C-alpha cells in the first residue's frame, strides 16, 4: 500500500518510480517503541533515517538506546541541518 501511495504521488508530479529500485525492509524482529507522547514525528523520521542508512534500530551507545528521549533534541537539530543542507547524512 505504501509503494502504491509513492507511485501515485510520483505520477502526480510527472515522475516515475521504479519498483525494482526499492528494497523493502522488515523490522519485525526489533522495532523500538517511543516512550513519550511528544517526540513522535522526530522518532518516526529518525527510524526512517536509520533504516535508509542501514543503521540498526536497536543501536546502543553507553548502554543507552540511541533512539531515546535524551537524544531527541540532537535529532531535531540534525533534521533541521539536513533540510538546510539539502542532504540527509547520519553522523555518529
N, C-alpha and C. Protein backbone atom coordinates (compact mmCIF):
# COMPACT_ATOMS: atom_id res chain seq x y z
N UNK A 1 0.81 -1.19 0.00
CA UNK A 1 0.00 0.00 0.00
C UNK A 1 0.87 1.26 0.00
N UNK A 2 1.97 1.22 0.76
CA UNK A 2 2.84 2.38 0.82
C UNK A 2 3.47 2.65 -0.55
N UNK A 3 3.91 1.58 -1.21
CA UNK A 3 4.52 1.77 -2.53
C UNK A 3 3.50 2.32 -3.52
N UNK A 4 2.25 1.86 -3.44
CA UNK A 4 1.21 2.39 -4.33
C UNK A 4 1.02 3.89 -4.09
N UNK A 5 1.06 4.29 -2.82
CA UNK A 5 0.95 5.71 -2.49
C UNK A 5 2.12 6.49 -3.11
N UNK A 6 3.32 5.95 -2.99
CA UNK A 6 4.51 6.61 -3.56
C UNK A 6 4.38 6.71 -5.08
N UNK A 7 3.91 5.63 -5.71
CA UNK A 7 3.71 5.67 -7.16
C UNK A 7 2.70 6.75 -7.54
N UNK A 8 1.58 6.83 -6.80
CA UNK A 8 0.56 7.83 -7.09
C UNK A 8 1.11 9.25 -6.93
N UNK A 9 1.87 9.48 -5.87
CA UNK A 9 2.47 10.79 -5.65
C UNK A 9 3.46 11.13 -6.75
N UNK A 10 4.24 10.15 -7.18
CA UNK A 10 5.20 10.38 -8.26
C UNK A 10 4.48 10.74 -9.56
N UNK A 11 3.41 10.01 -9.85
CA UNK A 11 2.63 10.31 -11.07
C UNK A 11 2.07 11.72 -11.03
N UNK A 12 1.61 12.13 -9.85
CA UNK A 12 1.06 13.48 -9.71
C UNK A 12 2.11 14.55 -9.97
N UNK A 13 3.38 14.20 -9.79
CA UNK A 13 4.49 15.13 -10.03
C UNK A 13 5.16 14.87 -11.38
N UNK A 14 4.51 14.05 -12.22
CA UNK A 14 5.05 13.66 -13.52
C UNK A 14 6.42 12.99 -13.39
N UNK A 15 6.58 12.22 -12.35
CA UNK A 15 7.81 11.46 -12.11
C UNK A 15 7.49 9.98 -12.23
N UNK A 16 8.54 9.18 -12.33
CA UNK A 16 8.34 7.73 -12.42
C UNK A 16 9.11 7.06 -11.29
N UNK A 17 8.49 6.10 -10.66
CA UNK A 17 9.12 5.31 -9.61
C UNK A 17 9.28 3.90 -10.13
N UNK A 18 10.49 3.35 -10.01
CA UNK A 18 10.76 2.00 -10.48
C UNK A 18 10.80 1.06 -9.27
N UNK A 19 9.87 0.12 -9.23
CA UNK A 19 9.73 -0.77 -8.08
C UNK A 19 10.99 -1.57 -7.80
N UNK A 20 11.72 -1.95 -8.84
CA UNK A 20 12.92 -2.76 -8.64
C UNK A 20 14.06 -1.97 -8.00
N UNK A 21 13.94 -0.64 -7.95
CA UNK A 21 14.97 0.19 -7.31
C UNK A 21 14.80 0.24 -5.79
N UNK A 22 13.73 -0.34 -5.27
CA UNK A 22 13.42 -0.24 -3.86
C UNK A 22 13.67 -1.57 -3.14
N UNK A 23 14.12 -1.48 -1.91
CA UNK A 23 14.24 -2.65 -1.04
C UNK A 23 13.24 -2.49 0.09
N UNK A 24 12.49 -3.53 0.35
CA UNK A 24 11.54 -3.49 1.47
C UNK A 24 12.22 -4.13 2.66
N UNK A 25 12.23 -3.40 3.78
CA UNK A 25 12.89 -3.86 4.99
C UNK A 25 11.85 -4.23 6.03
N UNK A 26 11.97 -5.42 6.58
CA UNK A 26 11.07 -5.87 7.63
C UNK A 26 11.77 -5.68 8.97
N UNK A 27 11.21 -4.83 9.81
CA UNK A 27 11.82 -4.57 11.12
C UNK A 27 11.12 -5.35 12.23
N UNK A 28 10.39 -6.39 11.84
CA UNK A 28 9.63 -7.16 12.82
C UNK A 28 10.48 -7.68 13.97
N UNK A 29 11.71 -8.19 13.71
CA UNK A 29 12.49 -8.70 14.84
C UNK A 29 12.72 -7.66 15.94
N UNK A 30 12.92 -6.42 15.56
CA UNK A 30 13.09 -5.38 16.57
C UNK A 30 12.64 -4.04 16.02
N UNK A 31 11.70 -3.47 16.66
CA UNK A 31 11.26 -2.12 16.33
C UNK A 31 11.04 -1.39 17.65
N UNK A 32 11.95 -0.47 18.00
CA UNK A 32 11.83 0.20 19.30
C UNK A 32 10.56 1.03 19.38
N UNK A 33 10.07 1.20 20.58
CA UNK A 33 8.86 1.96 20.81
C UNK A 33 9.19 3.31 21.43
N UNK A 34 8.52 4.32 20.97
CA UNK A 34 8.66 5.65 21.54
C UNK A 34 8.11 5.61 22.97
N UNK A 35 8.78 6.29 23.89
CA UNK A 35 8.38 6.21 25.29
C UNK A 35 7.71 7.48 25.83
N UNK A 36 7.48 8.45 24.97
CA UNK A 36 6.77 9.64 25.43
C UNK A 36 5.70 9.99 24.40
N UNK A 37 4.98 11.07 24.64
CA UNK A 37 3.87 11.41 23.74
C UNK A 37 4.13 12.64 22.89
N UNK A 38 5.37 13.15 22.89
CA UNK A 38 5.61 14.40 22.18
C UNK A 38 6.71 14.34 21.12
N UNK A 39 7.47 13.27 21.04
CA UNK A 39 8.54 13.17 20.05
C UNK A 39 8.18 12.28 18.87
N UNK A 40 6.89 12.04 18.63
CA UNK A 40 6.51 11.03 17.63
C UNK A 40 7.02 11.36 16.22
N UNK A 41 6.90 12.60 15.78
CA UNK A 41 7.36 12.94 14.44
C UNK A 41 8.85 12.78 14.29
N UNK A 42 9.60 13.27 15.26
CA UNK A 42 11.06 13.14 15.24
C UNK A 42 11.45 11.66 15.30
N UNK A 43 10.75 10.92 16.12
CA UNK A 43 11.04 9.49 16.29
C UNK A 43 10.85 8.75 14.97
N UNK A 44 9.73 9.01 14.29
CA UNK A 44 9.46 8.34 13.01
C UNK A 44 10.52 8.73 11.97
N UNK A 45 10.83 10.03 11.88
CA UNK A 45 11.84 10.47 10.91
C UNK A 45 13.20 9.82 11.18
N UNK A 46 13.58 9.70 12.44
CA UNK A 46 14.88 9.11 12.75
C UNK A 46 14.88 7.60 12.51
N UNK A 47 13.77 6.93 12.77
CA UNK A 47 13.70 5.50 12.43
C UNK A 47 13.89 5.31 10.93
N UNK A 48 13.24 6.15 10.13
CA UNK A 48 13.40 6.08 8.68
C UNK A 48 14.85 6.38 8.29
N UNK A 49 15.43 7.41 8.91
CA UNK A 49 16.81 7.79 8.63
C UNK A 49 17.76 6.63 8.94
N UNK A 50 17.56 5.99 10.09
CA UNK A 50 18.39 4.85 10.45
C UNK A 50 18.25 3.73 9.42
N UNK A 51 17.01 3.41 9.04
CA UNK A 51 16.78 2.33 8.08
C UNK A 51 17.41 2.63 6.73
N UNK A 52 17.28 3.87 6.26
CA UNK A 52 17.86 4.25 4.97
C UNK A 52 19.38 4.10 5.00
N UNK A 53 20.00 4.43 6.14
CA UNK A 53 21.46 4.34 6.26
C UNK A 53 21.93 2.97 6.76
N UNK A 54 21.01 1.99 6.81
CA UNK A 54 21.34 0.63 7.27
C UNK A 54 21.93 0.62 8.68
N UNK A 55 21.43 1.47 9.54
CA UNK A 55 21.83 1.50 10.95
C UNK A 55 20.77 0.75 11.73
N UNK A 56 21.16 -0.23 12.54
CA UNK A 56 20.15 -1.00 13.27
C UNK A 56 19.36 -0.12 14.24
N UNK A 57 18.07 -0.37 14.32
CA UNK A 57 17.21 0.42 15.19
C UNK A 57 17.48 0.16 16.67
N UNK A 58 18.16 -0.94 16.97
CA UNK A 58 18.44 -1.25 18.37
C UNK A 58 19.85 -0.84 18.80
N UNK A 59 20.46 0.08 18.04
CA UNK A 59 21.82 0.52 18.34
C UNK A 59 21.87 1.19 19.72
N UNK A 60 22.89 0.86 20.47
CA UNK A 60 23.06 1.47 21.79
C UNK A 60 24.40 2.18 21.87
N UNK A 61 24.46 3.16 22.72
CA UNK A 61 25.68 3.91 22.96
C UNK A 61 25.78 4.09 24.47
N UNK A 62 26.84 3.58 25.06
CA UNK A 62 26.99 3.63 26.52
C UNK A 62 25.79 3.01 27.23
N UNK A 63 25.36 1.85 26.75
CA UNK A 63 24.24 1.10 27.34
C UNK A 63 22.91 1.84 27.28
N UNK A 64 22.78 2.82 26.40
CA UNK A 64 21.52 3.56 26.25
C UNK A 64 21.09 3.48 24.79
N UNK A 65 19.83 3.18 24.59
CA UNK A 65 19.29 3.13 23.23
C UNK A 65 19.42 4.50 22.59
N UNK A 66 20.04 4.55 21.41
CA UNK A 66 20.26 5.82 20.73
C UNK A 66 18.92 6.50 20.39
N UNK A 67 17.93 5.70 19.98
CA UNK A 67 16.61 6.25 19.66
C UNK A 67 15.80 6.40 20.95
N UNK A 68 16.23 7.29 21.82
CA UNK A 68 15.52 7.51 23.08
C UNK A 68 15.38 9.00 23.33
N UNK A 69 14.52 9.34 24.27
CA UNK A 69 14.16 10.75 24.53
C UNK A 69 15.36 11.67 24.77
N UNK A 70 16.41 11.26 25.50
CA UNK A 70 17.52 12.20 25.72
C UNK A 70 18.20 12.66 24.43
N UNK A 71 18.09 11.90 23.36
CA UNK A 71 18.74 12.26 22.11
C UNK A 71 17.83 13.05 21.16
N UNK A 72 16.58 13.20 21.49
CA UNK A 72 15.65 13.88 20.58
C UNK A 72 16.03 15.34 20.30
N UNK A 73 16.55 16.12 21.27
CA UNK A 73 16.98 17.48 20.91
C UNK A 73 18.07 17.47 19.82
N UNK A 74 19.02 16.54 19.92
CA UNK A 74 20.06 16.41 18.90
C UNK A 74 19.43 16.04 17.55
N UNK A 75 18.49 15.09 17.57
CA UNK A 75 17.86 14.67 16.33
C UNK A 75 17.06 15.80 15.69
N UNK A 76 16.43 16.64 16.50
CA UNK A 76 15.71 17.80 15.96
C UNK A 76 16.70 18.71 15.22
N UNK A 77 17.85 18.95 15.83
CA UNK A 77 18.88 19.78 15.19
C UNK A 77 19.40 19.13 13.92
N UNK A 78 19.59 17.81 13.96
CA UNK A 78 20.09 17.08 12.80
C UNK A 78 19.11 17.20 11.62
N UNK A 79 17.84 17.01 11.89
CA UNK A 79 16.83 17.10 10.83
C UNK A 79 16.81 18.51 10.24
N UNK A 80 16.88 19.51 11.09
CA UNK A 80 16.91 20.91 10.63
C UNK A 80 18.14 21.15 9.76
N UNK A 81 19.31 20.70 10.22
CA UNK A 81 20.55 20.88 9.45
C UNK A 81 20.48 20.14 8.12
N UNK A 82 19.91 18.92 8.12
CA UNK A 82 19.77 18.16 6.88
C UNK A 82 18.89 18.91 5.89
N UNK A 83 17.79 19.49 6.38
CA UNK A 83 16.90 20.23 5.49
C UNK A 83 17.58 21.46 4.92
N UNK A 84 18.34 22.16 5.74
CA UNK A 84 19.05 23.36 5.27
C UNK A 84 20.11 22.98 4.25
N UNK A 85 20.86 21.90 4.52
CA UNK A 85 21.90 21.43 3.59
C UNK A 85 21.32 20.83 2.34
N UNK A 86 20.10 20.31 2.44
CA UNK A 86 19.51 19.61 1.31
C UNK A 86 20.07 18.22 1.16
N UNK A 87 20.69 17.70 2.20
CA UNK A 87 21.27 16.36 2.19
C UNK A 87 20.91 15.66 3.48
N UNK A 88 20.76 14.35 3.40
CA UNK A 88 20.46 13.56 4.59
C UNK A 88 21.67 12.68 4.92
N UNK A 89 22.36 13.04 5.97
CA UNK A 89 23.52 12.26 6.41
C UNK A 89 23.39 12.00 7.90
N UNK A 90 23.78 10.82 8.30
CA UNK A 90 23.78 10.48 9.72
C UNK A 90 25.22 10.45 10.19
N UNK A 91 25.55 11.26 11.14
CA UNK A 91 26.90 11.29 11.70
C UNK A 91 26.85 10.74 13.10
N UNK A 92 27.68 9.76 13.36
CA UNK A 92 27.66 9.14 14.68
C UNK A 92 29.01 9.21 15.32
